[in-house]
């Protein structure tokens, strides 16, 4: 399992490198979602941002971002080899993701609810969401794509399996 955590760290590092290298694009996608979240949660009166229209807009922006990331990751191939540690790497990556979630979600929400006065909480949470949409959220999306790509590359080639099955059938 120690090897799996090492592989998971290398995938995390690859995701971070990709994220930083492509940050202008990340920022462009994230700014759209940030603006919607900031307006929807903040004290700005803009009903469309607070409705299903705003949520759909943010979802479509995130889908477009993931499509862009998948295309770039598949082209650039930044993910290190997973080797035979697929299950362990996925588990280790999940542990890292849960740790990041504890800090970025639970920790920041606790700060907002405990240290920020009630009258300023909507402002705090609107800024928190705006910042997360250009940092944590797109990074996690990149990380998951890198992880899935690394794991997917570890799957046996379907054509090779079919050819092997045909050879085995022909030999019987």
C-alpha atoms as a PDB file:
ATOM      1  CA  UNK A   1       0.000   0.000   0.000  1.00  0.00           C
ATOM      2  CA  UNK A   2       2.979   2.320   0.547  1.00  0.00           C
ATOM      3  CA  UNK A   3       3.796   2.052  -3.162  1.00  0.00           C
ATOM      4  CA  UNK A   4       0.184   2.951  -3.983  1.00  0.00           C
ATOM      5  CA  UNK A   5       0.442   6.136  -1.902  1.00  0.00           C
ATOM      6  CA  UNK A   6       3.637   7.004  -3.755  1.00  0.00           C
ATOM      7  CA  UNK A   7       1.906   6.508  -7.092  1.00  0.00           C
ATOM      8  CA  UNK A   8      -1.072   8.548  -5.842  1.00  0.00           C
ATOM      9  CA  UNK A   9       1.327  11.366  -4.853  1.00  0.00           C
ATOM     10  CA  UNK A  10       2.921  11.268  -8.302  1.00  0.00           C
ATOM     11  CA  UNK A  11      -0.538  11.526  -9.886  1.00  0.00           C
ATOM     12  CA  UNK A  12      -1.315  14.421  -7.570  1.00  0.00           C
ATOM     13  CA  UNK A  13       1.947  16.085  -8.619  1.00  0.00           C
ATOM     14  CA  UNK A  14       1.149  15.498 -12.301  1.00  0.00           C
ATOM     15  CA  UNK A  15      -2.292  17.033 -11.807  1.00  0.00           C
ATOM     16  CA  UNK A  16      -0.756  20.014 -10.012  1.00  0.00           C
ATOM     17  CA  UNK A  17       1.765  20.512 -12.816  1.00  0.00           C
ATOM     18  CA  UNK A  18      -0.971  20.366 -15.436  1.00  0.00           C
ATOM     19  CA  UNK A  19      -3.146  22.745 -13.395  1.00  0.00           C
ATOM     20  CA  UNK A  20      -0.379  25.330 -12.963  1.00  0.00           C
ATOM     21  CA  UNK A  21       0.839  25.055 -16.558  1.00  0.00           C
ATOM     22  CA  UNK A  22      -2.672  25.622 -17.911  1.00  0.00           C
ATOM     23  CA  UNK A  23      -3.873  28.037 -15.242  1.00  0.00           C
ATOM     24  CA  UNK A  24      -4.945  30.816 -17.664  1.00  0.00           C
ATOM     25  CA  UNK A  25      -7.476  28.413 -19.205  1.00  0.00           C
ATOM     26  CA  UNK A  26      -8.464  27.095 -15.759  1.00  0.00           C
ATOM     27  CA  UNK A  27      -9.022  30.681 -14.646  1.00  0.00           C
ATOM     28  CA  UNK A  28     -11.130  31.493 -17.700  1.00  0.00           C
ATOM     29  CA  UNK A  29     -13.487  28.563 -17.094  1.00  0.00           C
ATOM     30  CA  UNK A  30     -13.450  29.047 -13.339  1.00  0.00           C
ATOM     31  CA  UNK A  31     -14.205  32.770 -13.538  1.00  0.00           C
ATOM     32  CA  UNK A  32     -17.514  32.018 -15.233  1.00  0.00           C
ATOM     33  CA  UNK A  33     -18.561  29.622 -12.477  1.00  0.00           C
ATOM     34  CA  UNK A  34     -17.145  31.977  -9.824  1.00  0.00           C
ATOM     35  CA  UNK A  35     -19.232  34.864 -11.050  1.00  0.00           C
ATOM     36  CA  UNK A  36     -22.413  32.794 -10.953  1.00  0.00           C
ATOM     37  CA  UNK A  37     -21.655  31.465  -7.460  1.00  0.00           C
ATOM     38  CA  UNK A  38     -20.649  34.879  -6.152  1.00  0.00           C
ATOM     39  CA  UNK A  39     -23.869  36.477  -7.377  1.00  0.00           C
ATOM     40  CA  UNK A  40     -26.119  33.573  -6.337  1.00  0.00           C
ATOM     41  CA  UNK A  41     -24.796  33.365  -2.771  1.00  0.00           C
ATOM     42  CA  UNK A  42     -23.927  37.006  -2.203  1.00  0.00           C
ATOM     43  CA  UNK A  43     -26.131  39.975  -1.517  1.00  0.00           C
ATOM     44  CA  UNK A  44     -26.543  40.816  -5.202  1.00  0.00           C
ATOM     45  CA  UNK A  45     -30.115  40.675  -6.439  1.00  0.00           C
ATOM     46  CA  UNK A  46     -29.950  38.792  -9.737  1.00  0.00           C
ATOM     47  CA  UNK A  47     -32.673  36.102  -9.797  1.00  0.00           C
ATOM     48  CA  UNK A  48     -31.327  34.227 -12.832  1.00  0.00           C
ATOM     49  CA  UNK A  49     -28.062  33.459 -11.046  1.00  0.00           C
ATOM     50  CA  UNK A  50     -29.968  32.027  -8.098  1.00  0.00           C
ATOM     51  CA  UNK A  51     -32.325  29.909 -10.229  1.00  0.00           C
ATOM     52  CA  UNK A  52     -31.929  26.708 -12.199  1.00  0.00           C
ATOM     53  CA  UNK A  53     -30.569  28.849 -15.029  1.00  0.00           C
ATOM     54  CA  UNK A  54     -27.545  29.851 -12.984  1.00  0.00           C
ATOM     55  CA  UNK A  55     -26.976  26.299 -11.749  1.00  0.00           C
ATOM     56  CA  UNK A  56     -27.299  24.926 -15.293  1.00  0.00           C
ATOM     57  CA  UNK A  57     -24.844  27.548 -16.547  1.00  0.00           C
ATOM     58  CA  UNK A  58     -22.265  26.533 -13.923  1.00  0.00           C
ATOM     59  CA  UNK A  59     -22.791  22.842 -14.661  1.00  0.00           C
ATOM     60  CA  UNK A  60     -22.304  23.424 -18.410  1.00  0.00           C
ATOM     61  CA  UNK A  61     -19.134  25.441 -17.761  1.00  0.00           C
ATOM     62  CA  UNK A  62     -17.756  22.606 -15.634  1.00  0.00           C
ATOM     63  CA  UNK A  63     -18.647  20.008 -18.262  1.00  0.00           C
ATOM     64  CA  UNK A  64     -16.920  22.088 -20.936  1.00  0.00           C
ATOM     65  CA  UNK A  65     -13.889  22.403 -18.666  1.00  0.00           C
ATOM     66  CA  UNK A  66     -13.725  18.642 -18.066  1.00  0.00           C
ATOM     67  CA  UNK A  67     -14.000  17.977 -21.802  1.00  0.00           C
ATOM     68  CA  UNK A  68     -11.117  20.396 -22.392  1.00  0.00           C
ATOM     69  CA  UNK A  69      -9.050  18.780 -19.626  1.00  0.00           C
ATOM     70  CA  UNK A  70      -9.683  15.260 -20.929  1.00  0.00           C
ATOM     71  CA  UNK A  71      -8.616  16.274 -24.435  1.00  0.00           C
ATOM     72  CA  UNK A  72      -5.455  17.955 -23.140  1.00  0.00           C
ATOM     73  CA  UNK A  73      -4.545  15.172 -20.723  1.00  0.00           C
ATOM     74  CA  UNK A  74      -5.017  12.519 -23.396  1.00  0.00           C
ATOM     75  CA  UNK A  75      -2.870  14.566 -25.753  1.00  0.00           C
ATOM     76  CA  UNK A  76      -0.176  15.507 -23.225  1.00  0.00           C
ATOM     77  CA  UNK A  77      -0.226  12.274 -21.187  1.00  0.00           C
ATOM     78  CA  UNK A  78       1.061  13.798 -17.920  1.00  0.00           C
ATOM     79  CA  UNK A  79       0.011  10.859 -15.733  1.00  0.00           C
ATOM     80  CA  UNK A  80       2.760   8.597 -14.404  1.00  0.00           C
ATOM     81  CA  UNK A  81       2.385   4.849 -14.764  1.00  0.00           C
ATOM     82  CA  UNK A  82       0.152   3.220 -12.173  1.00  0.00           C
ATOM     83  CA  UNK A  83       1.668  -0.210 -12.666  1.00  0.00           C
ATOM     84  CA  UNK A  84       0.005  -3.026 -10.790  1.00  0.00           C
ATOM     85  CA  UNK A  85      -1.195  -0.763  -7.989  1.00  0.00           C
ATOM     86  CA  UNK A  86      -4.494   0.345  -9.543  1.00  0.00           C
ATOM     87  CA  UNK A  87      -6.791  -0.409  -6.616  1.00  0.00           C
ATOM     88  CA  UNK A  88      -4.353   0.877  -4.023  1.00  0.00           C
ATOM     89  CA  UNK A  89      -3.712   4.028  -6.036  1.00  0.00           C
ATOM     90  CA  UNK A  90      -7.436   4.740  -6.292  1.00  0.00           C
ATOM     91  CA  UNK A  91      -7.851   4.183  -2.541  1.00  0.00           C
ATOM     92  CA  UNK A  92      -4.817   6.342  -1.725  1.00  0.00           C
ATOM     93  CA  UNK A  93      -6.045   9.080  -4.075  1.00  0.00           C
ATOM     94  CA  UNK A  94      -9.418   8.941  -2.338  1.00  0.00           C
ATOM     95  CA  UNK A  95      -7.702   9.417   1.029  1.00  0.00           C
ATOM     96  CA  UNK A  96      -5.863  12.469  -0.348  1.00  0.00           C
ATOM     97  CA  UNK A  97      -9.102  13.813  -1.820  1.00  0.00           C
ATOM     98  CA  UNK A  98     -10.887  13.407   1.514  1.00  0.00           C
ATOM     99  CA  UNK A  99      -8.057  15.290   3.256  1.00  0.00           C
ATOM    100  CA  UNK A 100      -8.325  18.106   0.720  1.00  0.00           C
ATOM    101  CA  UNK A 101     -12.097  18.158   1.231  1.00  0.00           C
ATOM    102  CA  UNK A 102     -11.698  18.417   4.992  1.00  0.00           C
ATOM    103  CA  UNK A 103      -9.554  21.504   4.586  1.00  0.00           C
ATOM    104  CA  UNK A 104     -11.299  23.190   1.668  1.00  0.00           C
ATOM    105  CA  UNK A 105     -14.892  22.477   2.609  1.00  0.00           C
ATOM    106  CA  UNK A 106     -15.313  21.656   6.259  1.00  0.00           C
ATOM    107  CA  UNK A 107     -12.416  23.820   7.459  1.00  0.00           C
ATOM    108  CA  UNK A 108     -13.402  26.911   5.491  1.00  0.00           C
ATOM    109  CA  UNK A 109     -17.093  26.488   6.365  1.00  0.00           C
ATOM    110  CA  UNK A 110     -16.168  26.220  10.037  1.00  0.00           C
ATOM    111  CA  UNK A 111     -14.141  29.429   9.789  1.00  0.00           C
ATOM    112  CA  UNK A 112     -17.014  31.176   8.062  1.00  0.00           C
ATOM    113  CA  UNK A 113     -19.612  30.081  10.557  1.00  0.00           C
ATOM    114  CA  UNK A 114     -17.478  30.582  13.675  1.00  0.00           C
ATOM    115  CA  UNK A 115     -15.285  33.611  12.982  1.00  0.00           C
ATOM    116  CA  UNK A 116     -17.393  35.710  10.632  1.00  0.00           C
ATOM    117  CA  UNK A 117     -20.308  37.646  12.057  1.00  0.00           C
ATOM    118  CA  UNK A 118     -23.755  36.590  10.896  1.00  0.00           C
ATOM    119  CA  UNK A 119     -24.319  39.794   8.956  1.00  0.00           C
ATOM    120  CA  UNK A 120     -21.168  39.144   6.866  1.00  0.00           C
ATOM    121  CA  UNK A 121     -21.537  35.403   6.351  1.00  0.00           C
ATOM    122  CA  UNK A 122     -23.197  35.627   2.931  1.00  0.00           C
ATOM    123  CA  UNK A 123     -20.331  37.833   1.765  1.00  0.00           C
ATOM    124  CA  UNK A 124     -17.787  35.391   3.201  1.00  0.00           C
ATOM    125  CA  UNK A 125     -19.449  32.391   1.570  1.00  0.00           C
ATOM    126  CA  UNK A 126     -19.849  34.158  -1.769  1.00  0.00           C
ATOM    127  CA  UNK A 127     -16.119  34.960  -1.794  1.00  0.00           C
ATOM    128  CA  UNK A 128     -15.281  31.447  -0.623  1.00  0.00           C
ATOM    129  CA  UNK A 129     -17.238  29.919  -3.506  1.00  0.00           C
ATOM    130  CA  UNK A 130     -15.833  32.388  -6.015  1.00  0.00           C
ATOM    131  CA  UNK A 131     -12.276  31.528  -4.963  1.00  0.00           C
ATOM    132  CA  UNK A 132     -12.919  27.780  -4.888  1.00  0.00           C
ATOM    133  CA  UNK A 133     -14.237  27.917  -8.458  1.00  0.00           C
ATOM    134  CA  UNK A 134     -10.862  29.093  -9.728  1.00  0.00           C
ATOM    135  CA  UNK A 135      -8.740  26.934  -7.397  1.00  0.00           C
ATOM    136  CA  UNK A 136      -9.954  23.838  -5.560  1.00  0.00           C
ATOM    137  CA  UNK A 137     -12.830  22.748  -7.796  1.00  0.00           C
ATOM    138  CA  UNK A 138     -10.987  22.859 -11.129  1.00  0.00           C
ATOM    139  CA  UNK A 139      -7.900  21.303  -9.526  1.00  0.00           C
ATOM    140  CA  UNK A 140      -9.938  18.352  -8.266  1.00  0.00           C
ATOM    141  CA  UNK A 141     -11.482  17.937 -11.721  1.00  0.00           C
ATOM    142  CA  UNK A 142      -7.985  17.884 -13.283  1.00  0.00           C
ATOM    143  CA  UNK A 143      -6.789  15.459 -10.626  1.00  0.00           C
ATOM    144  CA  UNK A 144      -9.675  13.057 -11.226  1.00  0.00           C
ATOM    145  CA  UNK A 145      -9.105  13.146 -14.995  1.00  0.00           C
ATOM    146  CA  UNK A 146      -5.393  12.401 -14.490  1.00  0.00           C
ATOM    147  CA  UNK A 147      -6.264   9.542 -12.115  1.00  0.00           C
ATOM    148  CA  UNK A 148      -8.875   8.058 -14.449  1.00  0.00           C
ATOM    149  CA  UNK A 149      -6.504   8.376 -17.402  1.00  0.00           C
ATOM    150  CA  UNK A 150      -3.723   6.600 -15.505  1.00  0.00           C
ATOM    151  CA  UNK A 151      -6.069   3.826 -14.401  1.00  0.00           C
ATOM    152  CA  UNK A 152      -7.632   3.560 -17.858  1.00  0.00           C
ATOM    153  CA  UNK A 153      -4.195   3.161 -19.408  1.00  0.00           C
ATOM    154  CA  UNK A 154      -3.655   0.210 -17.078  1.00  0.00           C
ATOM    155  CA  UNK A 155      -6.667  -1.704 -18.454  1.00  0.00           C
ATOM    156  CA  UNK A 156      -5.791  -4.514 -20.838  1.00  0.00           C
ATOM    157  CA  UNK A 157      -6.160  -3.668 -24.503  1.00  0.00           C
ATOM    158  CA  UNK A 158      -9.544  -5.001 -25.666  1.00  0.00           C
ATOM    159  CA  UNK A 159      -8.185  -5.926 -29.105  1.00  0.00           C
ATOM    160  CA  UNK A 160      -5.316  -7.877 -27.525  1.00  0.00           C
ATOM    161  CA  UNK A 161      -7.766  -9.699 -25.256  1.00  0.00           C
ATOM    162  CA  UNK A 162      -9.998 -10.585 -28.201  1.00  0.00           C
ATOM    163  CA  UNK A 163      -7.042 -11.844 -30.229  1.00  0.00           C
ATOM    164  CA  UNK A 164      -5.810 -13.857 -27.252  1.00  0.00           C
ATOM    165  CA  UNK A 165      -9.286 -15.349 -26.729  1.00  0.00           C
ATOM    166  CA  UNK A 166      -9.491 -16.294 -30.429  1.00  0.00           C
ATOM    167  CA  UNK A 167      -6.064 -17.963 -30.317  1.00  0.00           C
ATOM    168  CA  UNK A 168      -7.066 -19.906 -27.210  1.00  0.00           C
ATOM    169  CA  UNK A 169     -10.325 -20.995 -28.876  1.00  0.00           C
ATOM    170  CA  UNK A 170      -8.505 -22.027 -32.069  1.00  0.00           C
ATOM    171  CA  UNK A 171      -6.031 -24.120 -30.075  1.00  0.00           C
ATOM    172  CA  UNK A 172      -8.779 -26.183 -28.398  1.00  0.00           C
END
